Amino acid sequence: QLQLVESGGGLVQPGGSLRLSCAASKFTLDYYTIGWFRQAPGKEREGVSCISNHGGRTIYADSVKGRFTISRDNAKNTVYLQMNSLKPEDTAVYYCAATPYILSSDDLVPARDYDYWGQGTQVTVSS
């Protein structure tokens, strides 16, 4: 069964940084657009960022633009989310997801279009 596994979450102070990883097993990520989502308690799941299959196109939610960077290393079958200048409102469970949808616009791919999801990793920003 195709699997995505997130890692790298944790507790960090406001203004700090974390790097999340999304590793795939039993399939290669080369052909997939990868998205990062987050869900805070009591809130709807929110799209954070996505990256095209070869990394040439990246899209960010306005709430993270300029602070988060998505990247991928297809040789390692891994996608990353570098999160800088973290704020308490970034606290959430972060999920990665994969879709064969070809990224062709400037809009985040909606959650309903993703086929595979990881189990999530908790990010807590607090002093």
Foldseek 3Di string as FASTA:
>chain_A
DKAKAKDWADEAAQQAKIKIKIAIPPDFLLQKKKWKWWDDPPDDIGTAKIAFSVRPDIEGDPVQPPFWDWGDDRVRSMIMIIGGRDDQVVWTWMKMFIASDGDDDRDDDDPVRTDYIHPTDTHGYHD
